[in-house]
Amino acid sequence: MVHKKAIAHSVSFAAFLGPFTQTVYVPILPELQDTLSTSQLLINASISVFTFIIAFMQILYGPLTDSLGRKKVLLPGIALYVAASIGCFYADHITSLLFFRVFQAVGIATGSVVAV
């Protein structure tokens, strides 16, 4: 019984991370713009890119989850999300930030698909 609870909590947490990543990120946009010396348009693109990719990847992950299984899709997705989040942390240019934001979205989109 404990194993089932742990799985339910893990999957719920994975589904939570996508929206949380956007919510926690928005307040630092002005600082991020100054730190990366970029335009407001490109900083806002980091939100748009993340949102678009997360929505698009859900279309791909649905059938993939059905054919491969939840665990084989979720675990690599979370690993990719964690690696991309570390990349975002160390990004020193808007191009690298956008690159890692894309992979954040690709990875965490698995959470919302598997949770359903």
PDB file of N, CA and C in Angstrom:
ATOM      1  N   MET A   1       0.821  -1.206   0.000  1.00  0.00           N
ATOM      2  CA  MET A   1       0.000   0.000   0.000  1.00  0.00           C
ATOM      3  C   MET A   1       0.863   1.266   0.000  1.00  0.00           C
ATOM      4  N   VAL A   2       1.976   1.209   0.725  1.00  0.00           N
ATOM      5  CA  VAL A   2       2.870   2.370   0.783  1.00  0.00           C
ATOM      6  C   VAL A   2       3.455   2.654  -0.595  1.00  0.00           C
ATOM      7  N   HIS A   3       3.762   1.600  -1.328  1.00  0.00           N
ATOM      8  CA  HIS A   3       4.328   1.752  -2.667  1.00  0.00           C
ATOM      9  C   HIS A   3       3.367   2.499  -3.589  1.00  0.00           C
ATOM     10  N   LYS A   4       2.089   2.174  -3.518  1.00  0.00           N
ATOM     11  CA  LYS A   4       1.092   2.845  -4.357  1.00  0.00           C
ATOM     12  C   LYS A   4       0.956   4.310  -3.985  1.00  0.00           C
ATOM     13  N   LYS A   5       1.034   4.615  -2.695  1.00  0.00           N
ATOM     14  CA  LYS A   5       0.971   6.015  -2.267  1.00  0.00           C
ATOM     15  C   LYS A   5       2.184   6.797  -2.765  1.00  0.00           C
ATOM     16  N   ALA A   6       3.332   6.181  -2.689  1.00  0.00           N
ATOM     17  CA  ALA A   6       4.551   6.852  -3.142  1.00  0.00           C
ATOM     18  C   ALA A   6       4.475   7.141  -4.639  1.00  0.00           C
ATOM     19  N   ILE A   7       3.955   6.211  -5.404  1.00  0.00           N
ATOM     20  CA  ILE A   7       3.797   6.416  -6.842  1.00  0.00           C
ATOM     21  C   ILE A   7       2.806   7.540  -7.111  1.00  0.00           C
ATOM     22  N   ALA A   8       1.689   7.530  -6.404  1.00  0.00           N
ATOM     23  CA  ALA A   8       0.681   8.581  -6.580  1.00  0.00           C
ATOM     24  C   ALA A   8       1.255   9.956  -6.239  1.00  0.00           C
ATOM     25  N   HIS A   9       2.025  10.030  -5.158  1.00  0.00           N
ATOM     26  CA  HIS A   9       2.639  11.305  -4.776  1.00  0.00           C
ATOM     27  C   HIS A   9       3.667  11.753  -5.813  1.00  0.00           C
ATOM     28  N   SER A  10       4.453  10.831  -6.317  1.00  0.00           N
ATOM     29  CA  SER A  10       5.479  11.171  -7.309  1.00  0.00           C
ATOM     30  C   SER A  10       4.860  11.686  -8.603  1.00  0.00           C
ATOM     31  N   VAL A  11       3.827  10.999  -9.059  1.00  0.00           N
ATOM     32  CA  VAL A  11       3.167  11.413 -10.300  1.00  0.00           C
ATOM     33  C   VAL A  11       2.471  12.757 -10.111  1.00  0.00           C
ATOM     34  N   SER A  12       1.849  12.952  -8.957  1.00  0.00           N
ATOM     35  CA  SER A  12       1.193  14.236  -8.669  1.00  0.00           C
ATOM     36  C   SER A  12       2.218  15.370  -8.648  1.00  0.00           C
ATOM     37  N   PHE A  13       3.365  15.094  -8.049  1.00  0.00           N
ATOM     38  CA  PHE A  13       4.420  16.097  -7.990  1.00  0.00           C
ATOM     39  C   PHE A  13       4.928  16.434  -9.390  1.00  0.00           C
ATOM     40  N   ALA A  14       5.067  15.414 -10.235  1.00  0.00           N
ATOM     41  CA  ALA A  14       5.516  15.642 -11.618  1.00  0.00           C
ATOM     42  C   ALA A  14       4.505  16.500 -12.379  1.00  0.00           C
ATOM     43  N   ALA A  15       3.216  16.256 -12.165  1.00  0.00           N
ATOM     44  CA  ALA A  15       2.182  17.064 -12.823  1.00  0.00           C
ATOM     45  C   ALA A  15       2.194  18.498 -12.311  1.00  0.00           C
ATOM     46  N   PHE A  16       2.568  18.678 -11.057  1.00  0.00           N
ATOM     47  CA  PHE A  16       2.622  19.997 -10.423  1.00  0.00           C
ATOM     48  C   PHE A  16       3.791  20.833 -10.938  1.00  0.00           C
ATOM     49  N   LEU A  17       4.880  20.188 -11.325  1.00  0.00           N
ATOM     50  CA  LEU A  17       6.095  20.916 -11.686  1.00  0.00           C
ATOM     51  C   LEU A  17       5.957  21.802 -12.921  1.00  0.00           C
ATOM     52  N   GLY A  18       5.161  21.405 -13.904  1.00  0.00           N
ATOM     53  CA  GLY A  18       4.996  22.220 -15.110  1.00  0.00           C
ATOM     54  C   GLY A  18       4.440  23.601 -14.813  1.00  0.00           C
ATOM     55  N   PRO A  19       3.245  23.679 -14.206  1.00  0.00           N
ATOM     56  CA  PRO A  19       2.710  24.998 -13.849  1.00  0.00           C
ATOM     57  C   PRO A  19       3.577  25.736 -12.829  1.00  0.00           C
ATOM     58  N   PHE A  20       4.167  24.999 -11.908  1.00  0.00           N
ATOM     59  CA  PHE A  20       5.021  25.623 -10.895  1.00  0.00           C
ATOM     60  C   PHE A  20       6.236  26.280 -11.536  1.00  0.00           C
ATOM     61  N   THR A  21       6.802  25.633 -12.543  1.00  0.00           N
ATOM     62  CA  THR A  21       7.971  26.179 -13.225  1.00  0.00           C
ATOM     63  C   THR A  21       7.654  27.535 -13.851  1.00  0.00           C
ATOM     64  N   GLN A  22       6.461  27.685 -14.392  1.00  0.00           N
ATOM     65  CA  GLN A  22       6.062  28.973 -14.958  1.00  0.00           C
ATOM     66  C   GLN A  22       5.806  30.002 -13.854  1.00  0.00           C
ATOM     67  N   THR A  23       5.093  29.607 -12.816  1.00  0.00           N
ATOM     68  CA  THR A  23       4.694  30.539 -11.759  1.00  0.00           C
ATOM     69  C   THR A  23       5.891  31.104 -11.006  1.00  0.00           C
ATOM     70  N   VAL A  24       6.845  30.267 -10.682  1.00  0.00           N
ATOM     71  CA  VAL A  24       8.003  30.710  -9.918  1.00  0.00           C
ATOM     72  C   VAL A  24       8.964  31.524 -10.784  1.00  0.00           C
ATOM     73  N   TYR A  25       8.887  31.344 -12.073  1.00  0.00           N
ATOM     74  CA  TYR A  25       9.799  31.984 -13.017  1.00  0.00           C
ATOM     75  C   TYR A  25       9.398  33.423 -13.345  1.00  0.00           C
ATOM     76  N   VAL A  26       8.120  33.698 -13.420  1.00  0.00           N
ATOM     77  CA  VAL A  26       7.623  35.004 -13.880  1.00  0.00           C
ATOM     78  C   VAL A  26       8.122  36.184 -13.035  1.00  0.00           C
ATOM     79  N   PRO A  27       8.133  36.107 -11.708  1.00  0.00           N
ATOM     80  CA  PRO A  27       8.572  37.284 -10.937  1.00  0.00           C
ATOM     81  C   PRO A  27      10.021  37.712 -11.166  1.00  0.00           C
ATOM     82  N   ILE A  28      10.859  36.825 -11.653  1.00  0.00           N
ATOM     83  CA  ILE A  28      12.269  37.206 -11.841  1.00  0.00           C
ATOM     84  C   ILE A  28      12.580  37.708 -13.246  1.00  0.00           C
ATOM     85  N   LEU A  29      11.574  37.840 -14.092  1.00  0.00           N
ATOM     86  CA  LEU A  29      11.822  38.248 -15.480  1.00  0.00           C
ATOM     87  C   LEU A  29      12.569  39.578 -15.604  1.00  0.00           C
ATOM     88  N   PRO A  30      12.196  40.623 -14.869  1.00  0.00           N
ATOM     89  CA  PRO A  30      12.953  41.884 -15.002  1.00  0.00           C
ATOM     90  C   PRO A  30      14.432  41.732 -14.617  1.00  0.00           C
ATOM     91  N   GLU A  31      14.701  41.009 -13.542  1.00  0.00           N
ATOM     92  CA  GLU A  31      16.092  40.777 -13.142  1.00  0.00           C
ATOM     93  C   GLU A  31      16.838  39.947 -14.175  1.00  0.00           C
ATOM     94  N   LEU A  32      16.151  38.958 -14.698  1.00  0.00           N
ATOM     95  CA  LEU A  32      16.748  38.091 -15.704  1.00  0.00           C
ATOM     96  C   LEU A  32      17.078  38.879 -16.966  1.00  0.00           C
ATOM     97  N   GLN A  33      16.195  39.784 -17.332  1.00  0.00           N
ATOM     98  CA  GLN A  33      16.428  40.629 -18.510  1.00  0.00           C
ATOM     99  C   GLN A  33      17.686  41.469 -18.317  1.00  0.00           C
ATOM    100  N   ASP A  34      17.846  42.042 -17.128  1.00  0.00           N
ATOM    101  CA  ASP A  34      19.037  42.842 -16.847  1.00  0.00           C
ATOM    102  C   ASP A  34      20.299  41.976 -16.804  1.00  0.00           C
ATOM    103  N   THR A  35      20.204  40.838 -16.163  1.00  0.00           N
ATOM    104  CA  THR A  35      21.361  39.952 -16.024  1.00  0.00           C
ATOM    105  C   THR A  35      21.847  39.449 -17.374  1.00  0.00           C
ATOM    106  N   LEU A  36      20.926  39.095 -18.245  1.00  0.00           N
ATOM    107  CA  LEU A  36      21.302  38.565 -19.557  1.00  0.00           C
ATOM    108  C   LEU A  36      21.471  39.656 -20.611  1.00  0.00           C
ATOM    109  N   SER A  37      21.206  40.907 -20.232  1.00  0.00           N
ATOM    110  CA  SER A  37      21.326  42.052 -21.150  1.00  0.00           C
ATOM    111  C   SER A  37      20.596  41.790 -22.459  1.00  0.00           C
ATOM    112  N   THR A  38      19.300  41.538 -22.345  1.00  0.00           N
ATOM    113  CA  THR A  38      18.503  41.212 -23.511  1.00  0.00           C
ATOM    114  C   THR A  38      17.220  42.032 -23.522  1.00  0.00           C
ATOM    115  N   SER A  39      16.432  41.841 -24.540  1.00  0.00           N
ATOM    116  CA  SER A  39      15.201  42.617 -24.677  1.00  0.00           C
ATOM    117  C   SER A  39      14.046  41.949 -23.934  1.00  0.00           C
ATOM    118  N   GLN A  40      13.036  42.744 -23.679  1.00  0.00           N
ATOM    119  CA  GLN A  40      11.840  42.225 -23.025  1.00  0.00           C
ATOM    120  C   GLN A  40      11.146  41.191 -23.925  1.00  0.00           C
ATOM    121  N   LEU A  41      11.214  41.403 -25.211  1.00  0.00           N
ATOM    122  CA  LEU A  41      10.615  40.467 -26.163  1.00  0.00           C
ATOM    123  C   LEU A  41      11.218  39.069 -26.024  1.00  0.00           C
ATOM    124  N   LEU A  42      12.538  38.983 -25.955  1.00  0.00           N
ATOM    125  CA  LEU A  42      13.183  37.678 -25.845  1.00  0.00           C
ATOM    126  C   LEU A  42      12.952  37.038 -24.475  1.00  0.00           C
ATOM    127  N   ILE A  43      12.922  37.839 -23.438  1.00  0.00           N
ATOM    128  CA  ILE A  43      12.622  37.291 -22.108  1.00  0.00           C
ATOM    129  C   ILE A  43      11.204  36.730 -22.095  1.00  0.00           C
ATOM    130  N   ASN A  44      10.264  37.470 -22.666  1.00  0.00           N
ATOM    131  CA  ASN A  44       8.887  36.970 -22.729  1.00  0.00           C
ATOM    132  C   ASN A  44       8.773  35.744 -23.634  1.00  0.00           C
ATOM    133  N   ALA A  45       9.646  35.657 -24.625  1.00  0.00           N
ATOM    134  CA  ALA A  45       9.663  34.476 -25.497  1.00  0.00           C
ATOM    135  C   ALA A  45      10.000  33.219 -24.705  1.00  0.00           C
ATOM    136  N   SER A  46      10.759  33.370 -23.633  1.00  0.00           N
ATOM    137  CA  SER A  46      11.088  32.197 -22.819  1.00  0.00           C
ATOM    138  C   SER A  46       9.845  31.615 -22.151  1.00  0.00           C
ATOM    139  N   ILE A  47       8.851  32.431 -21.909  1.00  0.00           N
ATOM    140  CA  ILE A  47       7.576  31.938 -21.373  1.00  0.00           C
ATOM    141  C   ILE A  47       6.747  31.323 -22.492  1.00  0.00           C
ATOM    142  N   SER A  48       6.679  32.001 -23.606  1.00  0.00           N
ATOM    143  CA  SER A  48       5.883  31.513 -24.739  1.00  0.00           C
ATOM    144  C   SER A  48       6.406  30.186 -25.272  1.00  0.00           C
ATOM    145  N   VAL A  49       7.706  30.079 -25.407  1.00  0.00           N
ATOM    146  CA  VAL A  49       8.314  28.851 -25.911  1.00  0.00           C
ATOM    147  C   VAL A  49       7.997  27.688 -24.969  1.00  0.00           C
ATOM    148  N   PHE A  50       8.153  27.920 -23.679  1.00  0.00           N
ATOM    149  CA  PHE A  50       7.877  26.873 -22.690  1.00  0.00           C
ATOM    150  C   PHE A  50       6.425  26.419 -22.782  1.00  0.00           C
ATOM    151  N   THR A  51       5.509  27.371 -22.847  1.00  0.00           N
ATOM    152  CA  THR A  51       4.085  27.050 -22.892  1.00  0.00           C
ATOM    153  C   THR A  51       3.723  26.300 -24.168  1.00  0.00           C
ATOM    154  N   PHE A  52       4.245  26.747 -25.298  1.00  0.00           N
ATOM    155  CA  PHE A  52       3.949  26.085 -26.563  1.00  0.00           C
ATOM    156  C   PHE A  52       4.494  24.661 -26.588  1.00  0.00           C
ATOM    157  N   ILE A  53       5.727  24.492 -26.175  1.00  0.00           N
ATOM    158  CA  ILE A  53       6.355  23.168 -26.217  1.00  0.00           C
ATOM    159  C   ILE A  53       5.664  22.204 -25.267  1.00  0.00           C
ATOM    160  N   ILE A  54       5.320  22.668 -24.084  1.00  0.00           N
ATOM    161  CA  ILE A  54       4.649  21.777 -23.129  1.00  0.00           C
ATOM    162  C   ILE A  54       3.292  21.326 -23.676  1.00  0.00           C
ATOM    163  N   ALA A  55       2.592  22.207 -24.355  1.00  0.00           N
ATOM    164  CA  ALA A  55       1.300  21.835 -24.947  1.00  0.00           C
ATOM    165  C   ALA A  55       1.493  20.879 -26.120  1.00  0.00           C
ATOM    166  N   PHE A  56       2.451  21.168 -26.973  1.00  0.00           N
ATOM    167  CA  PHE A  56       2.699  20.330 -28.142  1.00  0.00           C
ATOM    168  C   PHE A  56       3.176  18.932 -27.746  1.00  0.00           C
ATOM    169  N   MET A  57       4.054  18.856 -26.769  1.00  0.00           N
ATOM    170  CA  MET A  57       4.614  17.561 -26.378  1.00  0.00           C
ATOM    171  C   MET A  57       3.564  16.651 -25.746  1.00  0.00           C
ATOM    172  N   GLN A  58       2.538  17.218 -25.162  1.00  0.00           N
ATOM    173  CA  GLN A  58       1.483  16.383 -24.596  1.00  0.00           C
ATOM    174  C   GLN A  58       0.786  15.579 -25.685  1.00  0.00           C
ATOM    175  N   ILE A  59       0.700  16.148 -26.865  1.00  0.00           N
ATOM    176  CA  ILE A  59       0.102  15.438 -28.000  1.00  0.00           C
ATOM    177  C   ILE A  59       0.968  14.223 -28.375  1.00  0.00           C
ATOM    178  N   LEU A  60       2.269  14.381 -28.303  1.00  0.00           N
ATOM    179  CA  LEU A  60       3.176  13.288 -28.650  1.00  0.00           C
ATOM    180  C   LEU A  60       3.306  12.256 -27.521  1.00  0.00           C
ATOM    181  N   TYR A  61       3.306  12.739 -26.288  1.00  0.00           N
ATOM    182  CA  TYR A  61       3.511  11.831 -25.161  1.00  0.00           C
ATOM    183  C   TYR A  61       2.310  10.927 -24.878  1.00  0.00           C
ATOM    184  N   GLY A  62       1.117  11.345 -25.250  1.00  0.00           N
ATOM    185  CA  GLY A  62      -0.062  10.504 -25.020  1.00  0.00           C
ATOM    186  C   GLY A  62       0.075   9.136 -25.664  1.00  0.00           C
ATOM    187  N   PRO A  63       0.224   9.072 -26.995  1.00  0.00           N
ATOM    188  CA  PRO A  63       0.394   7.780 -27.651  1.00  0.00           C
ATOM    189  C   PRO A  63       1.684   7.047 -27.223  1.00  0.00           C
ATOM    190  N   LEU A  64       2.745   7.819 -26.969  1.00  0.00           N
ATOM    191  CA  LEU A  64       3.995   7.208 -26.543  1.00  0.00           C
ATOM    192  C   LEU A  64       3.838   6.512 -25.188  1.00  0.00           C
ATOM    193  N   THR A  65       3.115   7.147 -24.282  1.00  0.00           N
ATOM    194  CA  THR A  65       2.854   6.556 -22.972  1.00  0.00           C
ATOM    195  C   THR A  65       2.010   5.296 -23.108  1.00  0.00           C
ATOM    196  N   ASP A  66       1.041   5.331 -24.000  1.00  0.00           N
ATOM    197  CA  ASP A  66       0.203   4.153 -24.217  1.00  0.00           C
ATOM    198  C   ASP A  66       1.006   2.972 -24.757  1.00  0.00           C
ATOM    199  N   SER A  67       1.970   3.246 -25.627  1.00  0.00           N
ATOM    200  CA  SER A  67       2.716   2.152 -26.248  1.00  0.00           C
ATOM    201  C   SER A  67       3.898   1.671 -25.398  1.00  0.00           C
ATOM    202  N   LEU A  68       4.586   2.586 -24.733  1.00  0.00           N
ATOM    203  CA  LEU A  68       5.778   2.205 -23.960  1.00  0.00           C
ATOM    204  C   LEU A  68       5.508   1.967 -22.486  1.00  0.00           C
ATOM    205  N   GLY A  69       4.485   2.609 -21.963  1.00  0.00           N
ATOM    206  CA  GLY A  69       4.219   2.531 -20.532  1.00  0.00           C
ATOM    207  C   GLY A  69       4.576   3.829 -19.839  1.00  0.00           C
ATOM    208  N   ARG A  70       3.935   4.067 -18.725  1.00  0.00           N
ATOM    209  CA  ARG A  70       4.100   5.345 -18.011  1.00  0.00           C
ATOM    210  C   ARG A  70       5.510   5.546 -17.472  1.00  0.00           C
ATOM    211  N   LYS A  71       6.035   4.507 -16.840  1.00  0.00           N
ATOM    212  CA  LYS A  71       7.338   4.635 -16.195  1.00  0.00           C
ATOM    213  C   LYS A  71       8.450   4.927 -17.203  1.00  0.00           C
ATOM    214  N   LYS A  72       8.403   4.274 -18.360  1.00  0.00           N
ATOM    215  CA  LYS A  72       9.439   4.460 -19.376  1.00  0.00           C
ATOM    216  C   LYS A  72       9.387   5.834 -20.027  1.00  0.00           C
ATOM    217  N   VAL A  73       8.275   6.534 -19.872  1.00  0.00           N
ATOM    218  CA  VAL A  73       8.149   7.888 -20.411  1.00  0.00           C
ATOM    219  C   VAL A  73       8.408   8.929 -19.321  1.00  0.00           C
ATOM    220  N   LEU A  74       7.873   8.687 -18.136  1.00  0.00           N
ATOM    221  CA  LEU A  74       7.957   9.669 -17.050  1.00  0.00           C
ATOM    222  C   LEU A  74       9.378   9.857 -16.526  1.00  0.00           C
ATOM    223  N   LEU A  75      10.076   8.781 -16.241  1.00  0.00           N
ATOM    224  CA  LEU A  75      11.399   8.911 -15.623  1.00  0.00           C
ATOM    225  C   LEU A  75      12.418   9.630 -16.503  1.00  0.00           C
ATOM    226  N   PRO A  76      12.537   9.279 -17.787  1.00  0.00           N
ATOM    227  CA  PRO A  76      13.457  10.076 -18.626  1.00  0.00           C
ATOM    228  C   PRO A  76      13.004  11.527 -18.775  1.00  0.00           C
ATOM    229  N   GLY A  77      11.688  11.753 -18.778  1.00  0.00           N
ATOM    230  CA  GLY A  77      11.175  13.117 -18.873  1.00  0.00           C
ATOM    231  C   GLY A  77      11.576  13.958 -17.672  1.00  0.00           C
ATOM    232  N   ILE A  78      11.448  13.381 -16.504  1.00  0.00           N
ATOM    233  CA  ILE A  78      11.838  14.116 -15.292  1.00  0.00           C
ATOM    234  C   ILE A  78      13.347  14.336 -15.260  1.00  0.00           C
ATOM    235  N   ALA A  79      14.108  13.342 -15.690  1.00  0.00           N
ATOM    236  CA  ALA A  79      15.565  13.501 -15.743  1.00  0.00           C
ATOM    237  C   ALA A  79      15.949  14.635 -16.703  1.00  0.00           C
ATOM    238  N   LEU A  80      15.293  14.684 -17.848  1.00  0.00           N
ATOM    239  CA  LEU A  80      15.545  15.757 -18.814  1.00  0.00           C
ATOM    240  C   LEU A  80      15.168  17.112 -18.218  1.00  0.00           C
ATOM    241  N   TYR A  81      14.043  17.165 -17.525  1.00  0.00           N
ATOM    242  CA  TYR A  81      13.598  18.406 -16.881  1.00  0.00           C
ATOM    243  C   TYR A  81      14.629  18.893 -15.862  1.00  0.00           C
ATOM    244  N   VAL A  82      15.131  17.994 -15.040  1.00  0.00           N
ATOM    245  CA  VAL A  82      16.114  18.370 -14.013  1.00  0.00           C
ATOM    246  C   VAL A  82      17.398  18.871 -14.674  1.00  0.00           C
ATOM    247  N   ALA A  83      17.867  18.150 -15.680  1.00  0.00           N
ATOM    248  CA  ALA A  83      19.091  18.567 -16.377  1.00  0.00           C
ATOM    249  C   ALA A  83      18.903  19.928 -17.051  1.00  0.00           C
ATOM    250  N   ALA A  84      17.754  20.126 -17.682  1.00  0.00           N
ATOM    251  CA  ALA A  84      17.489  21.408 -18.349  1.00  0.00           C
ATOM    252  C   ALA A  84      17.330  22.533 -17.330  1.00  0.00           C
ATOM    253  N   SER A  85      16.773  22.243 -16.179  1.00  0.00           N
ATOM    254  CA  SER A  85      16.645  23.263 -15.124  1.00  0.00           C
ATOM    255  C   SER A  85      18.013  23.712 -14.638  1.00  0.00           C
ATOM    256  N   ILE A  86      18.926  22.765 -14.512  1.00  0.00           N
ATOM    257  CA  ILE A  86      20.306  23.121 -14.140  1.00  0.00           C
ATOM    258  C   ILE A  86      20.932  23.964 -15.246  1.00  0.00           C
ATOM    259  N   GLY A  87      20.665  23.599 -16.491  1.00  0.00           N
ATOM    260  CA  GLY A  87      21.150  24.397 -17.614  1.00  0.00           C
ATOM    261  C   GLY A  87      20.600  25.812 -17.592  1.00  0.00           C
ATOM    262  N   CYS A  88      19.323  25.962 -17.273  1.00  0.00           N
ATOM    263  CA  CYS A  88      18.724  27.308 -17.159  1.00  0.00           C
ATOM    264  C   CYS A  88      19.412  28.115 -16.069  1.00  0.00           C
ATOM    265  N   PHE A  89      19.719  27.458 -14.976  1.00  0.00           N
ATOM    266  CA  PHE A  89      20.377  28.138 -13.858  1.00  0.00           C
ATOM    267  C   PHE A  89      21.732  28.707 -14.278  1.00  0.00           C
ATOM    268  N   TYR A  90      22.456  27.955 -15.081  1.00  0.00           N
ATOM    269  CA  TYR A  90      23.791  28.385 -15.498  1.00  0.00           C
ATOM    270  C   TYR A  90      23.817  29.148 -16.818  1.00  0.00           C
ATOM    271  N   ALA A  91      22.667  29.364 -17.434  1.00  0.00           N
ATOM    272  CA  ALA A  91      22.618  30.068 -18.722  1.00  0.00           C
ATOM    273  C   ALA A  91      23.156  31.492 -18.564  1.00  0.00           C
ATOM    274  N   ASP A  92      24.063  31.864 -19.447  1.00  0.00           N
ATOM    275  CA  ASP A  92      24.643  33.205 -19.382  1.00  0.00           C
ATOM    276  C   ASP A  92      24.282  34.055 -20.596  1.00  0.00           C
ATOM    277  N   HIS A  93      23.419  33.513 -21.447  1.00  0.00           N
ATOM    278  CA  HIS A  93      22.973  34.234 -22.636  1.00  0.00           C
ATOM    279  C   HIS A  93      21.536  33.827 -22.912  1.00  0.00           C
ATOM    280  N   ILE A  94      20.770  34.710 -23.509  1.00  0.00           N
ATOM    281  CA  ILE A  94      19.354  34.432 -23.765  1.00  0.00           C
ATOM    282  C   ILE A  94      19.179  33.225 -24.673  1.00  0.00           C
ATOM    283  N   THR A  95      20.105  33.017 -25.602  1.00  0.00           N
ATOM    284  CA  THR A  95      20.003  31.863 -26.496  1.00  0.00           C
ATOM    285  C   THR A  95      20.090  30.556 -25.725  1.00  0.00           C
ATOM    286  N   SER A  96      21.036  30.470 -24.819  1.00  0.00           N
ATOM    287  CA  SER A  96      21.154  29.242 -24.025  1.00  0.00           C
ATOM    288  C   SER A  96      19.972  29.086 -23.079  1.00  0.00           C
ATOM    289  N   LEU A  97      19.454  30.191 -22.550  1.00  0.00           N
ATOM    290  CA  LEU A  97      18.271  30.099 -21.693  1.00  0.00           C
ATOM    291  C   LEU A  97      17.080  29.559 -22.487  1.00  0.00           C
ATOM    292  N   LEU A  98      16.856  30.087 -23.675  1.00  0.00           N
ATOM    293  CA  LEU A  98      15.752  29.602 -24.511  1.00  0.00           C
ATOM    294  C   LEU A  98      15.937  28.129 -24.873  1.00  0.00           C
ATOM    295  N   PHE A  99      17.155  27.734 -25.174  1.00  0.00           N
ATOM    296  CA  PHE A  99      17.461  26.342 -25.484  1.00  0.00           C
ATOM    297  C   PHE A  99      17.073  25.437 -24.306  1.00  0.00           C
ATOM    298  N   PHE A 100      17.509  25.797 -23.116  1.00  0.00           N
ATOM    299  CA  PHE A 100      17.210  24.968 -21.948  1.00  0.00           C
ATOM    300  C   PHE A 100      15.736  25.031 -21.548  1.00  0.00           C
ATOM    301  N   ARG A 101      15.074  26.155 -21.791  1.00  0.00           N
ATOM    302  CA  ARG A 101      13.635  26.239 -21.500  1.00  0.00           C
ATOM    303  C   ARG A 101      12.845  25.286 -22.395  1.00  0.00           C
ATOM    304  N   VAL A 102      13.286  25.141 -23.640  1.00  0.00           N
ATOM    305  CA  VAL A 102      12.633  24.182 -24.543  1.00  0.00           C
ATOM    306  C   VAL A 102      12.744  22.774 -23.957  1.00  0.00           C
ATOM    307  N   PHE A 103      13.937  22.403 -23.522  1.00  0.00           N
ATOM    308  CA  PHE A 103      14.123  21.060 -22.984  1.00  0.00           C
ATOM    309  C   PHE A 103      13.466  20.874 -21.616  1.00  0.00           C
ATOM    310  N   GLN A 104      13.330  21.944 -20.860  1.00  0.00           N
ATOM    311  CA  GLN A 104      12.541  21.864 -19.629  1.00  0.00           C
ATOM    312  C   GLN A 104      11.119  21.454 -19.964  1.00  0.00           C
ATOM    313  N   ALA A 105      10.542  22.119 -20.942  1.00  0.00           N
ATOM    314  CA  ALA A 105       9.160  21.835 -21.332  1.00  0.00           C
ATOM    315  C   ALA A 105       9.013  20.443 -21.916  1.00  0.00           C
ATOM    316  N   VAL A 106       9.957  20.035 -22.741  1.00  0.00           N
ATOM    317  CA  VAL A 106       9.914  18.689 -23.318  1.00  0.00           C
ATOM    318  C   VAL A 106       9.923  17.652 -22.203  1.00  0.00           C
ATOM    319  N   GLY A 107      10.744  17.868 -21.210  1.00  0.00           N
ATOM    320  CA  GLY A 107      10.841  16.911 -20.114  1.00  0.00           C
ATOM    321  C   GLY A 107       9.623  16.887 -19.213  1.00  0.00           C
ATOM    322  N   ILE A 108       9.160  18.032 -18.782  1.00  0.00           N
ATOM    323  CA  ILE A 108       8.099  18.067 -17.778  1.00  0.00           C
ATOM    324  C   ILE A 108       6.720  17.829 -18.369  1.00  0.00           C
ATOM    325  N   ALA A 109       6.579  17.900 -19.669  1.00  0.00           N
ATOM    326  CA  ALA A 109       5.287  17.588 -20.286  1.00  0.00           C
ATOM    327  C   ALA A 109       4.876  16.153 -19.984  1.00  0.00           C
ATOM    328  N   THR A 110       5.837  15.292 -19.698  1.00  0.00           N
ATOM    329  CA  THR A 110       5.500  13.910 -19.348  1.00  0.00           C
ATOM    330  C   THR A 110       4.683  13.846 -18.065  1.00  0.00           C
ATOM    331  N   GLY A 111       4.930  14.752 -17.151  1.00  0.00           N
ATOM    332  CA  GLY A 111       4.217  14.736 -15.867  1.00  0.00           C
ATOM    333  C   GLY A 111       2.735  14.908 -15.999  1.00  0.00           C
ATOM    334  N   SER A 112       2.320  15.856 -16.809  1.00  0.00           N
ATOM    335  CA  SER A 112       0.889  16.094 -16.946  1.00  0.00           C
ATOM    336  C   SER A 112       0.193  14.996 -17.746  1.00  0.00           C
ATOM    337  N   VAL A 113       0.910  14.368 -18.669  1.00  0.00           N
ATOM    338  CA  VAL A 113       0.314  13.277 -19.453  1.00  0.00           C
ATOM    339  C   VAL A 113       0.183  12.023 -18.611  1.00  0.00           C
ATOM    340  N   VAL A 114       1.230  11.670 -17.918  1.00  0.00           N
ATOM    341  CA  VAL A 114       1.221  10.440 -17.110  1.00  0.00           C
ATOM    342  C   VAL A 114       0.254  10.577 -15.929  1.00  0.00           C
ATOM    343  N   ALA A 115       0.152  11.761 -15.366  1.00  0.00           N
ATOM    344  CA  ALA A 115      -0.745  11.958 -14.225  1.00  0.00           C
ATOM    345  C   ALA A 115      -2.196  11.696 -14.581  1.00  0.00           C
ATOM    346  N   VAL A 116      -2.570  12.021 -15.796  1.00  0.00           N
ATOM    347  CA  VAL A 116      -3.954  11.794 -16.223  1.00  0.00           C
ATOM    348  C   VAL A 116      -4.169  10.314 -16.419  1.00  0.00           C
TER     349      VAL A 116
END
